[in-house]
Amino acid sequence: MTDDLFSKIREAIVVLDDESLVDFTDEIINSGVDPLEAIQKAYVVGIRKVGELFESGEYFLPELV
């Protein structure tokens, strides 16, 4: 369950789906998962991928703001 939710969070970050990300974040908070674990395994990984996409020219600054 937790790994699946982490995967959904990473995907929501990468596709810039802020509404789903809010819902998934609520699920994480309510599930009792260690927040540090969620940050390390989901949010940081997704944000790094977005950075890679920006660096490669696939994402542009207006999309990220």
PDB file of N, CA and C in Angstrom:
ATOM      1  N   MET A   1       0.835  -1.207   0.000  1.00  0.00           N
ATOM      2  CA  MET A   1       0.000   0.000   0.000  1.00  0.00           C
ATOM      3  C   MET A   1       0.864   1.249   0.000  1.00  0.00           C
ATOM      4  N   THR A   2       1.827   1.293   0.909  1.00  0.00           N
ATOM      5  CA  THR A   2       2.662   2.489   1.025  1.00  0.00           C
ATOM      6  C   THR A   2       3.496   2.711  -0.225  1.00  0.00           C
ATOM      7  N   ASP A   3       4.105   1.628  -0.746  1.00  0.00           N
ATOM      8  CA  ASP A   3       4.917   1.780  -1.953  1.00  0.00           C
ATOM      9  C   ASP A   3       4.073   2.228  -3.139  1.00  0.00           C
ATOM     10  N   ASP A   4       2.848   1.730  -3.215  1.00  0.00           N
ATOM     11  CA  ASP A   4       1.933   2.140  -4.284  1.00  0.00           C
ATOM     12  C   ASP A   4       1.597   3.627  -4.158  1.00  0.00           C
ATOM     13  N   LEU A   5       1.376   4.069  -2.949  1.00  0.00           N
ATOM     14  CA  LEU A   5       1.064   5.483  -2.720  1.00  0.00           C
ATOM     15  C   LEU A   5       2.276   6.356  -3.022  1.00  0.00           C
ATOM     16  N   PHE A   6       3.460   5.888  -2.643  1.00  0.00           N
ATOM     17  CA  PHE A   6       4.688   6.624  -2.975  1.00  0.00           C
ATOM     18  C   PHE A   6       4.827   6.756  -4.492  1.00  0.00           C
ATOM     19  N   SER A   7       4.524   5.697  -5.198  1.00  0.00           N
ATOM     20  CA  SER A   7       4.597   5.715  -6.658  1.00  0.00           C
ATOM     21  C   SER A   7       3.606   6.717  -7.246  1.00  0.00           C
ATOM     22  N   LYS A   8       2.402   6.754  -6.705  1.00  0.00           N
ATOM     23  CA  LYS A   8       1.394   7.708  -7.173  1.00  0.00           C
ATOM     24  C   LYS A   8       1.830   9.146  -6.910  1.00  0.00           C
ATOM     25  N   ILE A   9       2.465   9.378  -5.777  1.00  0.00           N
ATOM     26  CA  ILE A   9       2.959  10.723  -5.454  1.00  0.00           C
ATOM     27  C   ILE A   9       4.047  11.126  -6.437  1.00  0.00           C
ATOM     28  N   ARG A  10       4.992  10.224  -6.677  1.00  0.00           N
ATOM     29  CA  ARG A  10       6.071  10.530  -7.637  1.00  0.00           C
ATOM     30  C   ARG A  10       5.488  10.864  -9.003  1.00  0.00           C
ATOM     31  N   GLU A  11       4.537  10.063  -9.459  1.00  0.00           N
ATOM     32  CA  GLU A  11       3.925  10.286 -10.772  1.00  0.00           C
ATOM     33  C   GLU A  11       3.176  11.613 -10.819  1.00  0.00           C
ATOM     34  N   ALA A  12       2.439  11.938  -9.769  1.00  0.00           N
ATOM     35  CA  ALA A  12       1.698  13.204  -9.728  1.00  0.00           C
ATOM     36  C   ALA A  12       2.658  14.387  -9.794  1.00  0.00           C
ATOM     37  N   ILE A  13       3.796  14.266  -9.145  1.00  0.00           N
ATOM     38  CA  ILE A  13       4.797  15.339  -9.194  1.00  0.00           C
ATOM     39  C   ILE A  13       5.334  15.472 -10.610  1.00  0.00           C
ATOM     40  N   VAL A  14       5.684  14.356 -11.220  1.00  0.00           N
ATOM     41  CA  VAL A  14       6.298  14.381 -12.553  1.00  0.00           C
ATOM     42  C   VAL A  14       5.333  14.914 -13.612  1.00  0.00           C
ATOM     43  N   VAL A  15       4.062  14.573 -13.518  1.00  0.00           N
ATOM     44  CA  VAL A  15       3.102  15.049 -14.521  1.00  0.00           C
ATOM     45  C   VAL A  15       2.464  16.381 -14.122  1.00  0.00           C
ATOM     46  N   LEU A  16       2.933  16.944 -13.013  1.00  0.00           N
ATOM     47  CA  LEU A  16       2.491  18.254 -12.529  1.00  0.00           C
ATOM     48  C   LEU A  16       1.000  18.276 -12.208  1.00  0.00           C
ATOM     49  N   ASP A  17       0.514  17.197 -11.608  1.00  0.00           N
ATOM     50  CA  ASP A  17      -0.896  17.071 -11.237  1.00  0.00           C
ATOM     51  C   ASP A  17      -1.060  17.458  -9.768  1.00  0.00           C
ATOM     52  N   ASP A  18      -1.230  18.743  -9.532  1.00  0.00           N
ATOM     53  CA  ASP A  18      -1.261  19.244  -8.155  1.00  0.00           C
ATOM     54  C   ASP A  18      -2.506  18.804  -7.390  1.00  0.00           C
ATOM     55  N   GLU A  19      -3.627  18.621  -8.056  1.00  0.00           N
ATOM     56  CA  GLU A  19      -4.841  18.203  -7.358  1.00  0.00           C
ATOM     57  C   GLU A  19      -4.703  16.782  -6.811  1.00  0.00           C
ATOM     58  N   SER A  20      -4.198  15.880  -7.622  1.00  0.00           N
ATOM     59  CA  SER A  20      -3.977  14.511  -7.155  1.00  0.00           C
ATOM     60  C   SER A  20      -2.918  14.473  -6.075  1.00  0.00           C
ATOM     61  N   LEU A  21      -1.902  15.293  -6.216  1.00  0.00           N
ATOM     62  CA  LEU A  21      -0.837  15.333  -5.225  1.00  0.00           C
ATOM     63  C   LEU A  21      -1.375  15.727  -3.854  1.00  0.00           C
ATOM     64  N   VAL A  22      -2.297  16.668  -3.817  1.00  0.00           N
ATOM     65  CA  VAL A  22      -2.916  17.061  -2.548  1.00  0.00           C
ATOM     66  C   VAL A  22      -3.678  15.883  -1.950  1.00  0.00           C
ATOM     67  N   ASP A  23      -4.424  15.171  -2.772  1.00  0.00           N
ATOM     68  CA  ASP A  23      -5.180  14.008  -2.290  1.00  0.00           C
ATOM     69  C   ASP A  23      -4.239  12.920  -1.757  1.00  0.00           C
ATOM     70  N   PHE A  24      -3.173  12.627  -2.501  1.00  0.00           N
ATOM     71  CA  PHE A  24      -2.222  11.606  -2.073  1.00  0.00           C
ATOM     72  C   PHE A  24      -1.494  12.022  -0.794  1.00  0.00           C
ATOM     73  N   THR A  25      -1.213  13.315  -0.680  1.00  0.00           N
ATOM     74  CA  THR A  25      -0.561  13.817   0.528  1.00  0.00           C
ATOM     75  C   THR A  25      -1.477  13.647   1.733  1.00  0.00           C
ATOM     76  N   ASP A  26      -2.750  13.918   1.560  1.00  0.00           N
ATOM     77  CA  ASP A  26      -3.717  13.683   2.638  1.00  0.00           C
ATOM     78  C   ASP A  26      -3.733  12.209   3.044  1.00  0.00           C
ATOM     79  N   GLU A  27      -3.680  11.317   2.044  1.00  0.00           N
ATOM     80  CA  GLU A  27      -3.658   9.879   2.343  1.00  0.00           C
ATOM     81  C   GLU A  27      -2.424   9.508   3.161  1.00  0.00           C
ATOM     82  N   ILE A  28      -1.271  10.051   2.776  1.00  0.00           N
ATOM     83  CA  ILE A  28      -0.024   9.773   3.504  1.00  0.00           C
ATOM     84  C   ILE A  28      -0.149  10.252   4.941  1.00  0.00           C
ATOM     85  N   ILE A  29      -0.629  11.453   5.125  1.00  0.00           N
ATOM     86  CA  ILE A  29      -0.752  12.018   6.473  1.00  0.00           C
ATOM     87  C   ILE A  29      -1.692  11.174   7.327  1.00  0.00           C
ATOM     88  N   ASN A  30      -2.808  10.773   6.756  1.00  0.00           N
ATOM     89  CA  ASN A  30      -3.811  10.010   7.498  1.00  0.00           C
ATOM     90  C   ASN A  30      -3.435   8.545   7.711  1.00  0.00           C
ATOM     91  N   SER A  31      -2.478   8.042   6.930  1.00  0.00           N
ATOM     92  CA  SER A  31      -2.110   6.627   7.040  1.00  0.00           C
ATOM     93  C   SER A  31      -1.101   6.362   8.148  1.00  0.00           C
ATOM     94  N   GLY A  32      -0.508   7.412   8.681  1.00  0.00           N
ATOM     95  CA  GLY A  32       0.461   7.232   9.748  1.00  0.00           C
ATOM     96  C   GLY A  32       1.858   6.897   9.270  1.00  0.00           C
ATOM     97  N   VAL A  33       2.116   7.030   7.981  1.00  0.00           N
ATOM     98  CA  VAL A  33       3.454   6.792   7.445  1.00  0.00           C
ATOM     99  C   VAL A  33       4.396   7.854   7.994  1.00  0.00           C
ATOM    100  N   ASP A  34       5.619   7.455   8.270  1.00  0.00           N
ATOM    101  CA  ASP A  34       6.634   8.397   8.740  1.00  0.00           C
ATOM    102  C   ASP A  34       6.829   9.483   7.675  1.00  0.00           C
ATOM    103  N   PRO A  35       6.608  10.743   8.023  1.00  0.00           N
ATOM    104  CA  PRO A  35       6.728  11.823   7.033  1.00  0.00           C
ATOM    105  C   PRO A  35       8.109  11.886   6.369  1.00  0.00           C
ATOM    106  N   LEU A  36       9.152  11.614   7.129  1.00  0.00           N
ATOM    107  CA  LEU A  36      10.497  11.643   6.550  1.00  0.00           C
ATOM    108  C   LEU A  36      10.652  10.566   5.482  1.00  0.00           C
ATOM    109  N   GLU A  37      10.086   9.391   5.733  1.00  0.00           N
ATOM    110  CA  GLU A  37      10.136   8.314   4.746  1.00  0.00           C
ATOM    111  C   GLU A  37       9.394   8.724   3.478  1.00  0.00           C
ATOM    112  N   ALA A  38       8.236   9.342   3.631  1.00  0.00           N
ATOM    113  CA  ALA A  38       7.459   9.796   2.478  1.00  0.00           C
ATOM    114  C   ALA A  38       8.227  10.850   1.681  1.00  0.00           C
ATOM    115  N   ILE A  39       8.867  11.756   2.386  1.00  0.00           N
ATOM    116  CA  ILE A  39       9.642  12.797   1.703  1.00  0.00           C
ATOM    117  C   ILE A  39      10.777  12.173   0.919  1.00  0.00           C
ATOM    118  N   GLN A  40      11.515  11.268   1.552  1.00  0.00           N
ATOM    119  CA  GLN A  40      12.677  10.664   0.908  1.00  0.00           C
ATOM    120  C   GLN A  40      12.315   9.745  -0.257  1.00  0.00           C
ATOM    121  N   LYS A  41      11.279   8.942  -0.090  1.00  0.00           N
ATOM    122  CA  LYS A  41      10.963   7.919  -1.088  1.00  0.00           C
ATOM    123  C   LYS A  41       9.982   8.368  -2.160  1.00  0.00           C
ATOM    124  N   ALA A  42       9.294   9.466  -1.940  1.00  0.00           N
ATOM    125  CA  ALA A  42       8.296   9.896  -2.916  1.00  0.00           C
ATOM    126  C   ALA A  42       8.586  11.300  -3.439  1.00  0.00           C
ATOM    127  N   TYR A  43       8.556  12.272  -2.552  1.00  0.00           N
ATOM    128  CA  TYR A  43       8.661  13.667  -2.984  1.00  0.00           C
ATOM    129  C   TYR A  43      10.025  14.003  -3.571  1.00  0.00           C
ATOM    130  N   VAL A  44      11.089  13.620  -2.910  1.00  0.00           N
ATOM    131  CA  VAL A  44      12.433  13.940  -3.408  1.00  0.00           C
ATOM    132  C   VAL A  44      12.678  13.278  -4.756  1.00  0.00           C
ATOM    133  N   VAL A  45      12.265  12.025  -4.888  1.00  0.00           N
ATOM    134  CA  VAL A  45      12.460  11.299  -6.145  1.00  0.00           C
ATOM    135  C   VAL A  45      11.681  11.983  -7.278  1.00  0.00           C
ATOM    136  N   GLY A  46      10.441  12.349  -7.025  1.00  0.00           N
ATOM    137  CA  GLY A  46       9.640  13.035  -8.038  1.00  0.00           C
ATOM    138  C   GLY A  46      10.209  14.390  -8.418  1.00  0.00           C
ATOM    139  N   ILE A  47      10.641  15.138  -7.426  1.00  0.00           N
ATOM    140  CA  ILE A  47      11.198  16.468  -7.689  1.00  0.00           C
ATOM    141  C   ILE A  47      12.502  16.361  -8.474  1.00  0.00           C
ATOM    142  N   ARG A  48      13.311  15.364  -8.164  1.00  0.00           N
ATOM    143  CA  ARG A  48      14.547  15.161  -8.940  1.00  0.00           C
ATOM    144  C   ARG A  48      14.237  14.857 -10.398  1.00  0.00           C
ATOM    145  N   LYS A  49      13.221  14.034 -10.629  1.00  0.00           N
ATOM    146  CA  LYS A  49      12.832  13.706 -12.003  1.00  0.00           C
ATOM    147  C   LYS A  49      12.362  14.957 -12.738  1.00  0.00           C
ATOM    148  N   VAL A  50      11.602  15.809 -12.080  1.00  0.00           N
ATOM    149  CA  VAL A  50      11.172  17.069 -12.690  1.00  0.00           C
ATOM    150  C   VAL A  50      12.400  17.924 -13.024  1.00  0.00           C
ATOM    151  N   GLY A  51      13.376  17.949 -12.143  1.00  0.00           N
ATOM    152  CA  GLY A  51      14.610  18.681 -12.410  1.00  0.00           C
ATOM    153  C   GLY A  51      15.336  18.147 -13.630  1.00  0.00           C
ATOM    154  N   GLU A  52      15.358  16.829 -13.774  1.00  0.00           N
ATOM    155  CA  GLU A  52      15.990  16.221 -14.946  1.00  0.00           C
ATOM    156  C   GLU A  52      15.243  16.602 -16.222  1.00  0.00           C
ATOM    157  N   LEU A  53      13.922  16.596 -16.156  1.00  0.00           N
ATOM    158  CA  LEU A  53      13.122  16.972 -17.325  1.00  0.00           C
ATOM    159  C   LEU A  53      13.322  18.445 -17.679  1.00  0.00           C
ATOM    160  N   PHE A  54      13.474  19.293 -16.678  1.00  0.00           N
ATOM    161  CA  PHE A  54      13.746  20.705 -16.922  1.00  0.00           C
ATOM    162  C   PHE A  54      15.129  20.862 -17.554  1.00  0.00           C
ATOM    163  N   GLU A  55      16.096  20.155 -17.006  1.00  0.00           N
ATOM    164  CA  GLU A  55      17.461  20.243 -17.514  1.00  0.00           C
ATOM    165  C   GLU A  55      17.565  19.774 -18.964  1.00  0.00           C
ATOM    166  N   SER A  56      16.782  18.757 -19.321  1.00  0.00           N
ATOM    167  CA  SER A  56      16.835  18.223 -20.686  1.00  0.00           C
ATOM    168  C   SER A  56      16.006  19.042 -21.673  1.00  0.00           C
ATOM    169  N   GLY A  57      15.278  20.037 -21.162  1.00  0.00           N
ATOM    170  CA  GLY A  57      14.493  20.897 -22.038  1.00  0.00           C
ATOM    171  C   GLY A  57      13.081  20.395 -22.300  1.00  0.00           C
ATOM    172  N   GLU A  58      12.663  19.336 -21.597  1.00  0.00           N
ATOM    173  CA  GLU A  58      11.309  18.828 -21.786  1.00  0.00           C
ATOM    174  C   GLU A  58      10.283  19.640 -21.000  1.00  0.00           C
ATOM    175  N   TYR A  59      10.696  20.207 -19.885  1.00  0.00           N
ATOM    176  CA  TYR A  59       9.848  21.091 -19.092  1.00  0.00           C
ATOM    177  C   TYR A  59      10.434  22.495 -19.128  1.00  0.00           C
ATOM    178  N   PHE A  60       9.566  23.480 -19.083  1.00  0.00           N
ATOM    179  CA  PHE A  60      10.001  24.863 -19.104  1.00  0.00           C
ATOM    180  C   PHE A  60       9.533  25.558 -17.828  1.00  0.00           C
ATOM    181  N   LEU A  61      10.195  26.617 -17.461  1.00  0.00           N
ATOM    182  CA  LEU A  61       9.933  27.311 -16.218  1.00  0.00           C
ATOM    183  C   LEU A  61       8.457  27.680 -16.027  1.00  0.00           C
ATOM    184  N   PRO A  62       7.751  28.202 -17.026  1.00  0.00           N
ATOM    185  CA  PRO A  62       6.336  28.537 -16.809  1.00  0.00           C
ATOM    186  C   PRO A  62       5.487  27.329 -16.394  1.00  0.00           C
ATOM    187  N   GLU A  63       5.842  26.143 -16.836  1.00  0.00           N
ATOM    188  CA  GLU A  63       5.109  24.933 -16.448  1.00  0.00           C
ATOM    189  C   GLU A  63       5.350  24.601 -14.979  1.00  0.00           C
ATOM    190  N   LEU A  64       6.488  24.973 -14.475  1.00  0.00           N
ATOM    191  CA  LEU A  64       6.864  24.609 -13.105  1.00  0.00           C
ATOM    192  C   LEU A  64       6.427  25.612 -12.066  1.00  0.00           C
ATOM    193  N   VAL A  65       6.078  26.804 -12.503  1.00  0.00           N
ATOM    194  CA  VAL A  65       5.712  27.857 -11.541  1.00  0.00           C
ATOM    195  C   VAL A  65       4.258  27.797 -11.213  1.00  0.00           C
TER     196      VAL A  65
END
